[in-house]
């Protein structure tokens, strides 16, 4: 942990990415009913992220493609990008030191990252420089030192360069229709009176938008975020930490605690359990965090304990690898060729097609402005 924290017991579970960020994965992933919610003394004025040689080797929670570029986000406001297929990384100029949880690009230039304090950042140059578009307005009205319950944003998705959604803790849902110049709180557009956390968003081919969260909650939008329907009879009542398209029309796959994975061919009307087996032929019991459909059509799902699960048949079956380092992983994507990029507790790691280590496992930031 990099910053002093205080804690308050909550009835709600933290998202997987927050738990990873706090280095408490093994403690918090034992069940969805016995977790903690984070509070900390606010920093009213944003401070820029410190440039560091270690930025690509410390906690990273999400990665996205910006054209041919890779952009990853994580702890202490670190955003790093690579133009050589993950071999080397540069650190972006970022106006915050807050934990960043997710990143999304609509093209090679325009992207958004979200994180704690309901923070939304935007880039127009492929991730090299970032600016604040939104942060929790309550922060501007608080006395210094007053403790507060954070409302982190956990995922972000844009329909195009104008319309996007950001979802997070306690049922927070934000929307923009002008590229992020203004953001509206549309939380009441979703039937979520208990304020369950939203953990992930995904566009589903030829169908709409899907959103998942804690306590087995699932929501879908056939008009890509304009209206929402709550799925009343989901396949699992534990927390979902990720959701993705399968690549097929109407195909959805969701995952979460204790290796639970479920797949739908009809945009969530019906579900089939997908059993993940470890290399020793036992059922996987590790919590799955992030990942999704890669540009080359594979599904890659990763989690705690070095789990990497890869599917080449739209999520019907997975090959599972437990990496020897057992490091918690938060997300993944495909690299040019057959290799994949993993991000997690030790930053960005290049892996082979099966998720195993390669000779390029260590990556560096070559040109920082200053050393932390």
Protein backbone atom coordinates (compact mmCIF):
# COMPACT_ATOMS: atom_id res chain seq x y z
CA UNK A 1 0.00 0.00 0.00
CA UNK A 2 1.25 3.42 -0.91
CA UNK A 3 -0.98 5.73 1.10
CA UNK A 4 -2.31 5.71 4.68
CA UNK A 5 -5.81 4.28 4.82
CA UNK A 6 -8.60 4.11 7.35
CA UNK A 7 -11.40 1.60 7.08
CA UNK A 8 -15.10 1.32 7.73
CA UNK A 9 -17.07 -1.92 7.70
CA UNK A 10 -19.67 -1.96 4.92
CA UNK A 11 -22.40 -4.35 3.88
CA UNK A 12 -21.15 -4.00 0.31
CA UNK A 13 -18.22 -5.81 -1.24
CA UNK A 14 -15.38 -3.92 -2.86
CA UNK A 15 -14.80 -4.46 -6.53
CA UNK A 16 -12.05 -6.85 -7.47
CA UNK A 17 -9.84 -4.08 -8.81
CA UNK A 18 -9.97 -2.08 -5.55
CA UNK A 19 -9.08 -5.18 -3.57
CA UNK A 20 -6.12 -5.85 -5.85
CA UNK A 21 -5.02 -2.26 -5.51
CA UNK A 22 -4.95 -2.47 -1.74
CA UNK A 23 -2.95 -5.67 -1.78
CA UNK A 24 -5.69 -7.49 0.13
CA UNK A 25 -6.87 -9.91 -2.51
CA UNK A 26 -6.43 -13.02 -0.40
CA UNK A 27 -8.35 -11.48 2.50
CA UNK A 28 -11.20 -9.88 0.61
CA UNK A 29 -11.88 -12.55 -1.99
CA UNK A 30 -13.03 -15.16 0.50
CA UNK A 31 -16.65 -14.07 0.02
CA UNK A 32 -18.83 -11.23 -1.12
CA UNK A 33 -20.51 -10.69 2.26
CA UNK A 34 -17.40 -9.99 4.35
CA UNK A 35 -15.55 -7.17 2.66
CA UNK A 36 -14.55 -3.63 3.48
CA UNK A 37 -15.20 -0.25 1.91
CA UNK A 38 -12.42 2.29 1.74
CA UNK A 39 -12.34 5.71 3.29
CA UNK A 40 -9.44 8.10 3.40
CA UNK A 41 -8.73 11.74 4.06
CA UNK A 42 -9.43 13.62 0.84
CA UNK A 43 -6.92 15.58 -1.15
CA UNK A 44 -9.03 18.53 -2.30
CA UNK A 45 -6.43 19.77 -4.78
CA UNK A 46 -5.26 17.31 -7.38
CA UNK A 47 -1.53 16.67 -7.61
CA UNK A 48 0.07 15.36 -10.80
CA UNK A 49 1.36 11.81 -10.91
CA UNK A 50 5.05 11.53 -10.14
CA UNK A 51 7.18 10.37 -13.05
CA UNK A 52 8.89 7.12 -12.11
CA UNK A 53 11.10 4.49 -13.65
CA UNK A 54 8.88 1.95 -11.88
CA UNK A 55 5.56 3.08 -13.36
CA UNK A 56 5.18 0.06 -15.64
CA UNK A 57 6.31 -2.34 -12.90
CA UNK A 58 3.87 -1.26 -10.20
CA UNK A 59 0.17 -2.02 -9.91
CA UNK A 60 -1.73 -1.68 -13.20
CA UNK A 61 -5.43 -2.49 -13.33
CA UNK A 62 -6.50 -2.16 -16.96
CA UNK A 63 -5.11 -1.99 -20.48
CA UNK A 64 -6.60 -0.93 -23.81
CA UNK A 65 -5.61 -0.55 -27.45
CA UNK A 66 -5.39 2.96 -28.90
CA UNK A 67 -4.86 2.04 -32.52
CA UNK A 68 -1.50 0.25 -32.58
CA UNK A 69 -0.59 1.65 -29.14
CA UNK A 70 -1.14 -0.03 -25.78
CA UNK A 71 -2.24 2.13 -22.84
CA UNK A 72 -2.39 0.84 -19.23
CA UNK A 73 -3.62 2.55 -16.04
CA UNK A 74 -3.18 1.87 -12.36
CA UNK A 75 -2.00 3.01 -8.95
CA UNK A 76 -0.94 6.56 -8.02
CA UNK A 77 -2.26 8.00 -11.27
CA UNK A 78 0.19 5.99 -13.34
CA UNK A 79 -0.64 5.73 -17.04
CA UNK A 80 1.92 4.12 -19.32
CA UNK A 81 1.89 3.49 -23.06
CA UNK A 82 3.82 1.31 -25.48
CA UNK A 83 4.36 1.65 -29.22
CA UNK A 84 6.44 -1.53 -29.59
CA UNK A 85 4.02 -4.29 -28.65
CA UNK A 86 4.71 -4.03 -24.92
CA UNK A 87 8.51 -4.30 -25.10
CA UNK A 88 9.11 -0.83 -23.63
CA UNK A 89 6.85 1.73 -21.99
CA UNK A 90 6.67 5.50 -21.57
CA UNK A 91 4.84 7.24 -18.75
CA UNK A 92 2.08 9.68 -19.63
CA UNK A 93 1.54 13.13 -18.13
CA UNK A 94 -1.37 12.71 -15.70
CA UNK A 95 -2.90 15.39 -13.41
CA UNK A 96 -3.73 13.06 -10.50
CA UNK A 97 -2.19 10.53 -8.12
CA UNK A 98 -5.48 8.76 -7.54
CA UNK A 99 -5.93 5.08 -8.26
CA UNK A 100 -7.14 4.57 -11.84
CA UNK A 101 -9.26 1.48 -12.43
CA UNK A 102 -10.23 1.34 -16.13
CA UNK A 103 -9.42 2.79 -19.55
CA UNK A 104 -11.28 2.84 -22.88
CA UNK A 105 -10.44 4.23 -26.35
CA UNK A 106 -12.84 4.86 -29.24
CA UNK A 107 -10.02 5.40 -31.74
CA UNK A 108 -6.26 5.88 -31.83
CA UNK A 109 -6.48 9.34 -30.25
CA UNK A 110 -9.49 9.69 -27.95
CA UNK A 111 -9.66 7.79 -24.70
CA UNK A 112 -11.00 7.98 -21.16
CA UNK A 113 -9.74 6.64 -17.83
CA UNK A 114 -11.68 6.45 -14.55
CA UNK A 115 -10.83 5.93 -10.91
CA UNK A 116 -11.29 7.01 -7.32
CA UNK A 117 -13.12 10.23 -6.38
CA UNK A 118 -15.46 9.44 -9.30
CA UNK A 119 -12.62 10.75 -11.42
CA UNK A 120 -12.80 10.84 -15.23
CA UNK A 121 -9.73 11.68 -17.31
CA UNK A 122 -9.58 12.30 -21.07
CA UNK A 123 -6.84 12.17 -23.68
CA UNK A 124 -6.91 13.40 -27.28
CA UNK A 125 -3.37 12.34 -28.20
CA UNK A 126 -3.46 8.59 -27.80
CA UNK A 127 -2.74 8.59 -24.07
CA UNK A 128 0.38 10.75 -23.89
CA UNK A 129 -1.29 13.57 -21.93
CA UNK A 130 -4.47 13.56 -19.87
CA UNK A 131 -6.88 16.14 -18.45
CA UNK A 132 -9.58 15.94 -15.77
CA UNK A 133 -13.14 16.00 -17.12
CA UNK A 134 -15.02 15.10 -13.94
CA UNK A 135 -14.51 14.36 -10.26
CA UNK A 136 -16.88 13.92 -7.34
CA UNK A 137 -18.42 17.40 -6.85
CA UNK A 138 -18.80 16.78 -3.10
CA UNK A 139 -15.03 17.07 -2.77
CA UNK A 140 -15.19 20.77 -3.55
CA UNK A 141 -17.58 21.35 -0.65
CA UNK A 142 -15.69 19.50 2.06
CA UNK A 143 -13.56 20.77 4.89
CA UNK A 144 -9.96 19.62 4.76
CA UNK A 145 -9.40 16.44 6.75
CA UNK A 146 -13.06 15.41 6.79
CA UNK A 147 -13.36 11.65 6.26
CA UNK A 148 -15.62 10.45 3.48
CA UNK A 149 -16.80 7.31 1.78
CA UNK A 150 -15.25 7.10 -1.67
CA UNK A 151 -17.33 6.49 -4.76
CA UNK A 152 -14.80 5.06 -7.19
CA UNK A 153 -15.69 4.56 -10.82
CA UNK A 154 -14.86 1.03 -11.90
CA UNK A 155 -15.42 0.96 -15.65
CA UNK A 156 -15.91 3.27 -18.62
CA UNK A 157 -17.34 2.67 -22.09
CA UNK A 158 -18.00 4.97 -25.05
CA UNK A 159 -20.45 4.33 -27.87
CA UNK A 160 -18.61 6.86 -30.03
CA UNK A 161 -16.52 9.99 -29.50
CA UNK A 162 -19.50 11.79 -27.92
CA UNK A 163 -21.63 9.39 -25.89
CA UNK A 164 -20.20 7.43 -23.01
CA UNK A 165 -20.94 5.91 -19.60
CA UNK A 166 -18.89 5.51 -16.43
CA UNK A 167 -20.08 3.09 -13.72
CA UNK A 168 -18.92 2.44 -10.19
CA UNK A 169 -19.55 1.96 -6.51
CA UNK A 170 -22.90 2.39 -4.74
CA UNK A 171 -24.85 2.35 -8.01
CA UNK A 172 -23.12 5.40 -9.47
CA UNK A 173 -23.68 5.79 -13.22
CA UNK A 174 -22.52 8.86 -15.15
CA UNK A 175 -23.28 9.76 -18.77
CA UNK A 176 -21.94 12.23 -21.30
CA UNK A 177 -23.21 13.14 -24.76
CA UNK A 178 -20.59 15.74 -25.60
CA UNK A 179 -17.34 13.81 -25.37
CA UNK A 180 -17.03 14.37 -21.65
CA UNK A 181 -17.31 18.15 -21.58
CA UNK A 182 -20.25 17.63 -19.22
CA UNK A 183 -21.30 14.55 -17.24
CA UNK A 184 -24.75 13.82 -15.84
CA UNK A 185 -25.55 11.52 -12.93
CA UNK A 186 -28.03 9.02 -14.42
CA UNK A 187 -27.91 6.54 -11.54
CA UNK A 188 -31.69 6.59 -11.18
CA UNK A 189 -32.07 5.30 -14.74
CA UNK A 190 -31.19 1.85 -13.39
CA UNK A 191 -33.40 -0.07 -10.94
CA UNK A 192 -30.83 -0.49 -8.15
CA UNK A 193 -32.47 0.81 -4.99
CA UNK A 194 -29.94 -1.00 -2.78
CA UNK A 195 -27.05 0.83 -4.40
CA UNK A 196 -25.12 -2.28 -5.41
CA UNK A 197 -21.71 -1.65 -6.94
CA UNK A 198 -21.27 -1.79 -10.70
CA UNK A 199 -18.01 -3.50 -11.65
CA UNK A 200 -17.95 -3.85 -15.43
CA UNK A 201 -19.55 -2.77 -18.71
CA UNK A 202 -19.38 -4.44 -22.13
CA UNK A 203 -20.92 -3.89 -25.56
CA UNK A 204 -22.47 -7.11 -26.91
CA UNK A 205 -22.47 -7.75 -30.64
CA UNK A 206 -25.79 -6.92 -32.36
CA UNK A 207 -27.53 -6.67 -28.98
CA UNK A 208 -26.66 -3.74 -26.73
CA UNK A 209 -24.79 -2.99 -23.52
CA UNK A 210 -24.37 -5.28 -20.51
CA UNK A 211 -23.44 -4.29 -16.93
CA UNK A 212 -22.64 -6.49 -13.93
CA UNK A 213 -21.94 -5.92 -10.25
CA UNK A 214 -22.07 -7.33 -6.76
CA UNK A 215 -24.62 -9.78 -5.33
CA UNK A 216 -25.18 -11.34 -8.75
CA UNK A 217 -26.69 -8.18 -10.21
CA UNK A 218 -26.97 -7.93 -14.00
CA UNK A 219 -28.39 -5.20 -16.20
CA UNK A 220 -28.79 -4.87 -19.96
CA UNK A 221 -29.58 -2.07 -22.36
CA UNK A 222 -30.80 -2.85 -25.86
CA UNK A 223 -30.25 0.80 -26.85
CA UNK A 224 -26.66 0.98 -25.59
CA UNK A 225 -27.27 2.91 -22.41
CA UNK A 226 -30.40 4.97 -23.06
CA UNK A 227 -32.67 2.66 -21.02
CA UNK A 228 -31.87 -0.25 -18.69
CA UNK A 229 -33.48 -3.55 -17.74
CA UNK A 230 -32.61 -5.45 -14.57
CA UNK A 231 -32.24 -9.20 -14.99
CA UNK A 232 -34.29 -10.69 -12.18
CA UNK A 233 -33.09 -14.29 -12.39
CA UNK A 234 -29.36 -14.26 -12.91
CA UNK A 235 -27.36 -17.49 -12.90
CA UNK A 236 -25.29 -16.73 -9.79
CA UNK A 237 -25.78 -14.66 -6.64
CA UNK A 238 -22.13 -13.89 -5.91
CA UNK A 239 -20.28 -10.82 -7.13
CA UNK A 240 -19.44 -10.42 -10.79
CA UNK A 241 -16.10 -8.75 -11.48
CA UNK A 242 -16.07 -8.89 -15.26
CA UNK A 243 -18.25 -9.17 -18.35
CA UNK A 244 -17.44 -9.39 -22.04
CA UNK A 245 -18.85 -10.05 -25.46
CA UNK A 246 -17.99 -13.47 -26.84
CA UNK A 247 -17.71 -12.21 -30.41
CA UNK A 248 -20.91 -13.91 -31.52
CA UNK A 249 -24.27 -12.11 -31.89
CA UNK A 250 -25.93 -11.92 -28.47
CA UNK A 251 -22.98 -13.64 -26.82
CA UNK A 252 -22.21 -12.59 -23.23
CA UNK A 253 -19.76 -14.08 -20.75
CA UNK A 254 -19.51 -13.04 -17.08
CA UNK A 255 -17.15 -14.09 -14.31
CA UNK A 256 -16.41 -13.46 -10.65
CA UNK A 257 -15.78 -15.14 -7.30
CA UNK A 258 -14.37 -18.66 -6.92
CA UNK A 259 -13.84 -19.28 -10.61
CA UNK A 260 -17.48 -18.85 -11.52
CA UNK A 261 -18.02 -18.28 -15.25
CA UNK A 262 -21.36 -18.22 -17.06
CA UNK A 263 -22.11 -17.75 -20.75
CA UNK A 264 -25.22 -16.65 -22.66
CA UNK A 265 -26.03 -16.87 -26.37
CA UNK A 266 -29.16 -14.68 -26.16
CA UNK A 267 -28.10 -11.45 -24.45
CA UNK A 268 -28.75 -12.82 -20.97
CA UNK A 269 -32.10 -14.57 -21.39
CA UNK A 270 -30.55 -17.96 -20.61
CA UNK A 271 -27.18 -18.98 -19.18
CA UNK A 272 -24.85 -21.97 -19.21
CA UNK A 273 -22.12 -22.53 -16.65
CA UNK A 274 -18.60 -22.83 -18.04
CA UNK A 275 -16.44 -24.99 -15.79
CA UNK A 276 -12.78 -23.98 -15.69
CA UNK A 277 -10.40 -26.81 -14.91
CA UNK A 278 -6.87 -26.32 -13.62
CA UNK A 279 -3.89 -28.04 -15.29
CA UNK A 280 -4.24 -30.76 -12.63
CA UNK A 281 -7.84 -31.34 -13.75
CA UNK A 282 -9.43 -29.90 -10.62
CA UNK A 283 -12.12 -27.20 -10.83
CA UNK A 284 -10.73 -23.68 -10.59
CA UNK A 285 -11.59 -22.00 -7.29
CA UNK A 286 -9.73 -18.71 -7.72
CA UNK A 287 -11.45 -15.36 -8.11
CA UNK A 288 -11.42 -14.03 -11.65
CA UNK A 289 -10.83 -10.32 -12.08
CA UNK A 290 -10.66 -8.89 -15.59
CA UNK A 291 -9.92 -9.42 -19.23
CA UNK A 292 -12.27 -9.87 -22.17
CA UNK A 293 -12.47 -10.29 -25.91
CA UNK A 294 -9.18 -9.43 -27.59
CA UNK A 295 -8.86 -7.81 -31.03
CA UNK A 296 -7.82 -11.17 -32.51
CA UNK A 297 -10.99 -12.88 -31.26
CA UNK A 298 -9.68 -14.74 -28.22
CA UNK A 299 -11.26 -14.47 -24.79
CA UNK A 300 -8.69 -13.96 -22.04
CA UNK A 301 -9.76 -13.90 -18.38
CA UNK A 302 -7.27 -13.44 -15.53
CA UNK A 303 -7.40 -13.41 -11.75
CA UNK A 304 -5.73 -13.89 -8.41
CA UNK A 305 -2.99 -16.45 -7.93
CA UNK A 306 -1.66 -16.02 -11.47
CA UNK A 307 -4.71 -17.48 -13.22
CA UNK A 308 -4.86 -17.05 -17.00
CA UNK A 309 -7.82 -18.62 -18.85
CA UNK A 310 -7.91 -18.45 -22.66
CA UNK A 311 -10.75 -19.44 -25.00
CA UNK A 312 -10.63 -19.75 -28.78
CA UNK A 313 -14.24 -20.91 -29.18
CA UNK A 314 -16.21 -17.87 -28.01
CA UNK A 315 -16.09 -18.88 -24.36
CA UNK A 316 -17.46 -22.40 -24.63
CA UNK A 317 -14.24 -23.83 -23.20
CA UNK A 318 -11.02 -22.45 -21.71
CA UNK A 319 -7.44 -23.56 -21.34
CA UNK A 320 -6.33 -22.57 -17.84
CA UNK A 321 -2.77 -21.83 -16.71
CA UNK A 322 -1.60 -21.01 -13.20
CA UNK A 323 1.52 -18.91 -13.62
CA UNK A 324 4.49 -19.92 -11.50
CA UNK A 325 4.84 -16.44 -9.97
CA UNK A 326 1.23 -16.62 -8.61
CA UNK A 327 0.97 -12.84 -8.94
CA UNK A 328 -2.56 -11.38 -8.92
CA UNK A 329 -3.62 -10.27 -12.39
CA UNK A 330 -6.21 -7.60 -13.14
CA UNK A 331 -6.67 -7.57 -16.93
CA UNK A 332 -5.20 -8.71 -20.23
CA UNK A 333 -5.22 -8.15 -23.98
CA UNK A 334 -3.66 -9.61 -27.11
CA UNK A 335 -0.37 -8.48 -28.60
CA UNK A 336 0.63 -8.61 -32.25
CA UNK A 337 1.30 -12.25 -33.01
CA UNK A 338 0.05 -14.83 -30.55
CA UNK A 339 1.43 -13.38 -27.31
CA UNK A 340 -0.72 -11.66 -24.68
CA UNK A 341 -0.14 -8.76 -22.32
CA UNK A 342 -1.03 -9.20 -18.65
CA UNK A 343 -1.42 -6.36 -16.15
CA UNK A 344 -1.63 -6.67 -12.39
CA UNK A 345 0.31 -6.35 -9.17
CA UNK A 346 3.68 -6.30 -10.92
CA UNK A 347 2.67 -4.03 -13.75
CA UNK A 348 2.76 -5.00 -17.42
CA UNK A 349 4.02 -8.47 -18.27
CA UNK A 350 4.34 -10.06 -21.70
CA UNK A 351 3.27 -13.69 -21.82
CA UNK A 352 3.18 -16.42 -24.42
CA UNK A 353 0.00 -17.59 -26.20
CA UNK A 354 -0.86 -19.85 -23.24
CA UNK A 355 -0.20 -17.19 -20.59
CA UNK A 356 3.20 -18.58 -19.58
CA UNK A 357 6.24 -16.38 -19.01
CA UNK A 358 8.41 -15.33 -21.94
CA UNK A 359 11.92 -13.96 -22.23
CA UNK A 360 10.44 -10.44 -22.33
CA UNK A 361 8.69 -10.73 -18.99
CA UNK A 362 10.35 -7.57 -17.66
CA UNK A 363 9.39 -4.24 -19.23
CA UNK A 364 10.71 -0.78 -18.45
CA UNK A 365 9.84 2.88 -18.76
CA UNK A 366 12.86 4.22 -20.67
CA UNK A 367 12.48 8.01 -20.46
CA UNK A 368 10.90 9.37 -17.25
CA UNK A 369 11.19 13.04 -16.38
CA UNK A 370 12.24 12.40 -12.78
CA UNK A 371 12.82 9.38 -10.59
CA UNK A 372 10.34 8.91 -7.73
